[in-house]
Amino acid sequence: MTQSASYKPVYVVFGSDTYLKQETVTGISRAVLGDDDAAGGATRFDGDKATLADVLDEVRTFSLLGEARLVIVDDADPFITRHRQSLETYCAAPSNSGVPVLVCKSSAANTKLHRAIQALGGVIVCQTPRGSDLAAWIVRQARERYEKQIEGPAVGALRESCDDSLGMFDGELAKLASYVGDRKRITAQDVHALVGQHREVKVFAVTDAMADGNPAAALQAWEQALATNRATPMLAVGGLAWSIRRLLGLRHAMDKGADVRSLSQQGRMSPAQIQSRVGGVSARRLEDQLTDLLQIDLDSKTGLGNVNRGVEKFIVRHSRRAAAG
């Protein structure tokens, strides 16, 4: 079997953006397996448990139908650490029966393995774009995936309403595309009407109840946020983090003597809302909340915790603190 020009013999897919890594692996799967088998045709291994023999045996086993195999090692950092030299040897003469894909957090450019895969054309970096590059990504995603043109002010409004998470942006673009229907353009008014309402009503309902020391109401609001959100629970966690960072910014401004009325224009909240959401909570407490949300994120990605249970504990813990003053 000869190597197809549409894909490389070995890949390392790395970086901090989980969404981009997932999309990249999906693209590789389509190139190797075709659209019909891309969703479930790959063999996957957990990098923490996989053995080199199992992975390479799968790569080197010819398919009865003649097509290439795709073997994905998820969270491959420990796998690479354990088998770096053997992987370097493999890259010197890769099999033509299968394609290994190493999905990891980092790949040092000065290592022999990285350079070997780079020489084969299989190094793919997945970092969240910033600044104008992020704006360009949003425009391109709206056009290519949803066949919509998103106006410049709408891009700005979307960035104000979301964390810099490509998965979150894509989820909101999907909802916006459905919201505008046959209309080809997404406007800032559309973003404020849909995304802003989702964020402020659903997410702030959680943080408002927490600020009131009412964990039961906060838990109910969390369930409603999940029920009405097409995205994953981790994106809802991102929404909570966004909300708390926004409140923290207002808290810092108030601590520096900023006028509540001026802050209400900046934060698109009434003075009364700012007082209720920010007035009774310290910057330190909000920082503690962000730290706990980060821990929930880390635990979920390492298999040490469940997102829903983590958020429920987070709500109860911080609602009690608020109630205790």
Protein backbone atom coordinates (compact mmCIF):
# COMPACT_ATOMS: atom_id res chain seq x y z
CA MET A 1 0.00 0.00 0.00
CA THR A 2 1.44 3.38 -0.93
CA GLN A 3 1.18 6.42 1.26
CA SER A 4 -1.66 8.73 0.17
CA ALA A 5 -0.73 12.34 -0.57
CA SER A 6 -3.77 13.42 1.45
CA TYR A 7 -2.27 12.46 4.81
CA LYS A 8 1.08 11.98 6.54
CA PRO A 9 2.55 8.73 7.89
CA VAL A 10 2.76 10.01 11.51
CA TYR A 11 1.17 12.92 13.34
CA VAL A 12 1.71 14.75 16.58
CA VAL A 13 -1.22 17.06 17.40
CA PHE A 14 -0.50 19.27 20.37
CA GLY A 15 -1.40 22.54 22.06
CA SER A 16 -3.70 24.08 24.63
CA ASP A 17 -6.89 24.33 22.55
CA THR A 18 -8.95 21.17 23.03
CA TYR A 19 -11.50 22.13 20.39
CA LEU A 20 -8.84 22.66 17.72
CA LYS A 21 -7.22 19.32 18.58
CA GLN A 22 -10.56 17.54 18.25
CA GLU A 23 -11.24 19.23 14.92
CA THR A 24 -7.75 18.40 13.68
CA VAL A 25 -8.07 14.73 14.58
CA THR A 26 -11.45 14.64 12.85
CA GLY A 27 -9.85 16.08 9.72
CA ILE A 28 -7.07 13.50 9.82
CA SER A 29 -9.66 10.75 10.30
CA ARG A 30 -11.54 11.85 7.19
CA ALA A 31 -8.33 12.01 5.17
CA VAL A 32 -7.23 8.50 6.23
CA LEU A 33 -10.54 6.67 6.56
CA GLY A 34 -12.95 8.66 4.41
CA ASP A 35 -16.10 10.45 5.54
CA ASP A 36 -18.09 7.27 6.16
CA ASP A 37 -15.66 5.77 8.69
CA ALA A 38 -14.20 8.97 10.18
CA ALA A 39 -16.48 8.94 13.22
CA GLY A 40 -15.78 5.43 14.47
CA GLY A 41 -13.20 3.76 12.29
CA ALA A 42 -10.12 4.68 14.32
CA THR A 43 -8.58 2.64 17.10
CA ARG A 44 -7.97 4.75 20.21
CA PHE A 45 -5.62 4.24 23.15
CA ASP A 46 -5.22 6.07 26.45
CA GLY A 47 -1.68 7.43 26.55
CA ASP A 48 -1.37 6.79 30.26
CA LYS A 49 -2.04 3.07 29.87
CA ALA A 50 -1.11 2.20 26.28
CA THR A 51 1.88 0.00 25.54
CA LEU A 52 4.12 0.59 22.56
CA ALA A 53 3.61 -2.99 21.37
CA ASP A 54 -0.19 -2.66 21.32
CA VAL A 55 -0.10 0.66 19.46
CA LEU A 56 2.42 -0.41 16.82
CA ASP A 57 0.83 -3.83 16.35
CA GLU A 58 -2.43 -2.04 15.52
CA VAL A 59 -0.63 0.36 13.16
CA ARG A 60 1.18 -2.46 11.34
CA THR A 61 -1.81 -4.76 10.94
CA PHE A 62 -3.09 -4.61 7.37
CA SER A 63 -6.80 -4.14 6.91
CA LEU A 64 -8.63 -6.91 5.07
CA LEU A 65 -10.28 -4.23 2.94
CA GLY A 66 -6.95 -2.72 1.99
CA GLU A 67 -7.35 0.75 3.45
CA ALA A 68 -4.99 2.31 5.98
CA ARG A 69 -5.63 2.01 9.70
CA LEU A 70 -5.82 5.04 11.96
CA VAL A 71 -4.48 4.66 15.51
CA ILE A 72 -4.99 7.58 17.91
CA VAL A 73 -3.19 7.86 21.25
CA ASP A 74 -5.10 10.36 23.40
CA ASP A 75 -3.33 12.30 26.18
CA ALA A 76 -0.12 10.92 24.72
CA ASP A 77 2.40 12.92 26.79
CA PRO A 78 3.25 10.04 29.18
CA PHE A 79 3.24 7.57 26.28
CA ILE A 80 5.79 9.71 24.42
CA THR A 81 7.92 10.06 27.53
CA ARG A 82 8.03 6.29 28.03
CA HIS A 83 8.72 5.37 24.41
CA ARG A 84 10.45 8.38 22.89
CA GLN A 85 13.48 6.52 21.50
CA SER A 86 11.37 3.73 20.02
CA LEU A 87 9.06 6.26 18.41
CA GLU A 88 12.07 8.00 16.89
CA THR A 89 13.13 4.66 15.41
CA TYR A 90 9.61 4.08 14.05
CA CYS A 91 9.57 7.52 12.37
CA ALA A 92 12.73 6.61 10.48
CA ALA A 93 10.76 3.85 8.69
CA PRO A 94 7.02 4.32 9.29
CA SER A 95 4.58 1.61 8.33
CA ASN A 96 2.47 2.06 5.21
CA SER A 97 -0.40 0.06 6.68
CA GLY A 98 -1.48 2.54 9.34
CA VAL A 99 -1.17 6.09 10.65
CA PRO A 100 -0.40 6.78 14.33
CA VAL A 101 -1.66 10.09 15.75
CA LEU A 102 -0.18 11.30 19.04
CA VAL A 103 -2.51 13.84 20.69
CA CYS A 104 -0.73 15.64 23.51
CA LYS A 105 -0.35 18.88 25.41
CA SER A 106 3.15 19.74 24.27
CA SER A 107 5.91 18.70 21.90
CA ALA A 108 9.31 20.32 22.33
CA ALA A 109 10.68 21.51 18.99
CA ASN A 110 14.26 20.68 20.00
CA THR A 111 13.63 16.95 20.47
CA LYS A 112 14.59 14.33 17.89
CA LEU A 113 11.06 12.94 17.83
CA HIS A 114 9.49 16.32 17.08
CA ARG A 115 12.00 16.99 14.32
CA ALA A 116 11.45 13.50 12.85
CA ILE A 117 7.67 13.96 12.69
CA GLN A 118 8.15 17.49 11.37
CA ALA A 119 10.29 16.10 8.55
CA LEU A 120 7.38 13.82 7.67
CA GLY A 121 5.01 16.82 7.65
CA GLY A 122 2.92 15.61 10.58
CA VAL A 123 3.43 18.30 13.26
CA ILE A 124 0.20 20.23 13.94
CA VAL A 125 0.05 22.95 16.61
CA CYS A 126 -3.36 23.74 18.10
CA GLN A 127 -3.18 27.01 20.01
CA THR A 128 -6.11 29.38 20.46
CA PRO A 129 -5.63 32.33 18.09
CA ARG A 130 -5.45 35.78 19.65
CA GLY A 131 -6.36 39.31 18.65
CA SER A 132 -7.06 39.80 14.96
CA ASP A 133 -6.31 36.12 14.29
CA LEU A 134 -9.17 35.12 16.59
CA ALA A 135 -11.54 37.54 14.86
CA ALA A 136 -10.51 36.09 11.50
CA TRP A 137 -11.15 32.56 12.81
CA ILE A 138 -14.69 33.51 13.89
CA VAL A 139 -15.44 35.03 10.47
CA ARG A 140 -14.03 31.98 8.68
CA GLN A 141 -15.89 29.52 10.93
CA ALA A 142 -19.18 31.30 10.36
CA ARG A 143 -18.63 31.26 6.60
CA GLU A 144 -17.24 27.76 6.13
CA ARG A 145 -19.22 25.78 8.67
CA TYR A 146 -22.49 27.69 8.88
CA GLU A 147 -22.56 29.53 5.52
CA LYS A 148 -23.14 32.87 7.25
CA GLN A 149 -21.43 36.22 7.07
CA ILE A 150 -20.82 37.69 10.50
CA GLU A 151 -20.41 41.46 10.63
CA GLY A 152 -17.42 43.09 12.32
CA PRO A 153 -19.45 44.56 15.22
CA ALA A 154 -21.07 41.15 15.71
CA VAL A 155 -17.62 39.56 16.03
CA GLY A 156 -16.75 42.12 18.70
CA ALA A 157 -20.01 41.52 20.55
CA LEU A 158 -19.45 37.77 20.43
CA ARG A 159 -15.95 38.13 21.86
CA GLU A 160 -17.30 40.29 24.70
CA SER A 161 -19.87 37.63 25.52
CA CYS A 162 -17.58 34.59 25.40
CA ASP A 163 -14.32 33.40 26.87
CA ASP A 164 -11.56 32.97 24.30
CA SER A 165 -12.58 29.34 23.79
CA LEU A 166 -13.01 28.16 20.21
CA GLY A 167 -15.44 25.47 21.34
CA MET A 168 -17.60 28.11 22.99
CA PHE A 169 -17.44 30.39 19.94
CA ASP A 170 -18.44 27.51 17.67
CA GLY A 171 -21.36 26.60 19.93
CA GLU A 172 -22.62 30.18 19.89
CA LEU A 173 -22.18 30.43 16.11
CA ALA A 174 -24.29 27.28 15.71
CA LYS A 175 -27.07 28.86 17.76
CA LEU A 176 -26.77 32.16 15.90
CA ALA A 177 -26.96 30.40 12.52
CA SER A 178 -30.17 28.70 13.63
CA TYR A 179 -31.48 31.95 15.12
CA VAL A 180 -31.10 34.01 11.92
CA GLY A 181 -32.57 31.23 9.76
CA ASP A 182 -32.47 32.00 6.05
CA ARG A 183 -30.79 35.34 6.62
CA LYS A 184 -27.18 35.26 5.44
CA ARG A 185 -25.76 37.89 7.81
CA ILE A 186 -25.28 37.75 11.59
CA THR A 187 -25.45 41.19 13.18
CA ALA A 188 -24.42 42.58 16.55
CA GLN A 189 -28.12 42.83 17.42
CA ASP A 190 -28.44 39.08 16.85
CA VAL A 191 -25.51 38.43 19.20
CA HIS A 192 -26.93 40.66 21.93
CA ALA A 193 -30.38 39.15 21.54
CA LEU A 194 -29.26 35.53 21.71
CA VAL A 195 -25.79 35.09 23.17
CA GLY A 196 -25.98 37.98 25.60
CA GLN A 197 -29.34 36.84 26.89
CA HIS A 198 -28.09 33.29 27.32
CA ARG A 199 -25.05 34.41 29.25
CA GLU A 200 -26.60 37.06 31.44
CA VAL A 201 -29.89 35.35 32.24
CA LYS A 202 -28.75 31.75 32.58
CA VAL A 203 -25.29 32.19 34.03
CA PHE A 204 -25.97 35.22 36.20
CA ALA A 205 -28.96 33.37 37.66
CA VAL A 206 -26.44 30.93 39.15
CA THR A 207 -24.07 33.58 40.51
CA ASP A 208 -26.97 35.74 41.77
CA ALA A 209 -28.35 32.87 43.82
CA MET A 210 -24.88 32.09 45.13
CA ALA A 211 -24.45 35.74 46.15
CA ASP A 212 -27.78 35.50 47.99
CA GLY A 213 -26.54 32.45 49.89
CA ASN A 214 -29.23 30.31 48.28
CA PRO A 215 -27.57 27.09 47.02
CA ALA A 216 -30.92 25.44 46.16
CA ALA A 217 -31.82 28.24 43.75
CA ALA A 218 -28.28 28.27 42.34
CA LEU A 219 -28.39 24.51 41.71
CA GLN A 220 -31.76 24.86 39.99
CA ALA A 221 -30.40 27.66 37.79
CA TRP A 222 -27.39 25.49 36.92
CA GLU A 223 -29.68 22.66 35.81
CA GLN A 224 -31.68 25.08 33.68
CA ALA A 225 -28.50 26.44 32.11
CA LEU A 226 -27.45 22.92 31.14
CA ALA A 227 -30.92 22.00 29.88
CA THR A 228 -31.09 24.99 27.55
CA ASN A 229 -27.49 24.87 26.35
CA ARG A 230 -26.62 22.73 23.34
CA ALA A 231 -22.97 22.84 24.30
CA THR A 232 -21.17 20.51 26.69
CA PRO A 233 -21.11 20.96 30.49
CA MET A 234 -17.51 22.18 30.25
CA LEU A 235 -18.67 25.09 28.10
CA ALA A 236 -21.24 25.94 30.77
CA VAL A 237 -18.37 25.92 33.28
CA GLY A 238 -16.60 28.33 30.97
CA GLY A 239 -19.69 30.51 31.16
CA LEU A 240 -19.49 30.54 34.95
CA ALA A 241 -15.82 31.45 34.81
CA TRP A 242 -16.58 34.26 32.35
CA SER A 243 -19.31 35.57 34.64
CA ILE A 244 -17.07 35.52 37.71
CA ARG A 245 -14.18 37.19 35.87
CA ARG A 246 -16.57 39.91 34.81
CA LEU A 247 -17.71 40.41 38.40
CA LEU A 248 -14.09 40.39 39.56
CA GLY A 249 -13.26 43.18 37.11
CA LEU A 250 -16.14 45.24 38.50
CA ARG A 251 -15.04 44.45 42.07
CA HIS A 252 -11.51 45.68 41.37
CA ALA A 253 -12.91 48.85 39.80
CA MET A 254 -15.15 49.48 42.82
CA ASP A 255 -12.21 48.92 45.17
CA LYS A 256 -10.34 51.63 43.27
CA GLY A 257 -13.22 54.06 43.80
CA ALA A 258 -15.05 53.76 40.48
CA ASP A 259 -18.58 55.13 40.42
CA VAL A 260 -21.27 52.45 40.26
CA ARG A 261 -23.24 54.39 37.65
CA SER A 262 -20.28 54.52 35.28
CA LEU A 263 -19.64 50.82 35.86
CA SER A 264 -23.25 50.02 34.98
CA GLN A 265 -22.65 51.30 31.44
CA GLN A 266 -19.41 49.36 31.15
CA GLY A 267 -20.90 46.13 32.46
CA ARG A 268 -24.34 46.44 30.85
CA MET A 269 -25.93 46.07 34.29
CA SER A 270 -28.01 48.46 36.36
CA PRO A 271 -26.43 50.03 39.46
CA ALA A 272 -28.77 47.90 41.57
CA GLN A 273 -27.60 44.72 39.83
CA ILE A 274 -23.95 45.65 40.36
CA GLN A 275 -24.59 46.28 44.04
CA SER A 276 -26.39 42.96 44.49
CA ARG A 277 -23.89 40.91 42.49
CA VAL A 278 -20.64 42.62 43.49
CA GLY A 279 -21.28 44.82 46.51
CA GLY A 280 -21.30 42.03 49.07
CA VAL A 281 -18.43 39.92 47.79
CA SER A 282 -14.70 40.53 48.07
CA ALA A 283 -12.16 40.24 45.27
CA ARG A 284 -10.47 37.44 47.22
CA ARG A 285 -13.67 35.40 47.33
CA LEU A 286 -14.19 35.80 43.58
CA GLU A 287 -10.58 34.78 42.97
CA ASP A 288 -11.17 31.69 45.12
CA GLN A 289 -14.18 30.84 42.96
CA LEU A 290 -12.10 31.08 39.80
CA THR A 291 -9.44 28.83 41.34
CA ASP A 292 -12.07 26.22 42.19
CA LEU A 293 -13.51 26.32 38.66
CA LEU A 294 -10.01 25.82 37.26
CA GLN A 295 -9.64 22.77 39.50
CA ILE A 296 -12.95 21.39 38.20
CA ASP A 297 -11.63 21.81 34.67
CA LEU A 298 -8.32 20.11 35.47
CA ASP A 299 -9.98 17.24 37.37
CA SER A 300 -12.36 16.55 34.49
CA LYS A 301 -9.55 16.46 31.92
CA THR A 302 -7.43 14.10 34.02
CA GLY A 303 -10.29 11.79 34.95
CA LEU A 304 -10.20 12.77 38.62
CA GLY A 305 -13.61 14.38 38.75
CA ASN A 306 -17.01 14.79 37.13
CA VAL A 307 -18.00 18.24 35.84
CA ASN A 308 -21.57 18.23 37.12
CA ARG A 309 -20.67 16.97 40.58
CA GLY A 310 -17.77 19.42 40.74
CA VAL A 311 -20.01 22.39 39.91
CA GLU A 312 -22.66 21.27 42.39
CA LYS A 313 -20.06 21.14 45.15
CA PHE A 314 -18.70 24.51 43.97
CA ILE A 315 -22.16 26.09 44.20
CA VAL A 316 -22.87 24.73 47.67
CA ARG A 317 -19.42 25.67 48.98
CA HIS A 318 -19.46 29.25 47.77
CA SER A 319 -23.15 29.85 48.50
CA ARG A 320 -22.48 28.91 52.10
CA ARG A 321 -19.57 31.30 52.24
CA ALA A 322 -21.76 34.05 50.85
CA ALA A 323 -24.48 33.25 53.32
CA ALA A 324 -21.98 33.31 56.16
CA GLY A 325 -20.79 36.74 54.99
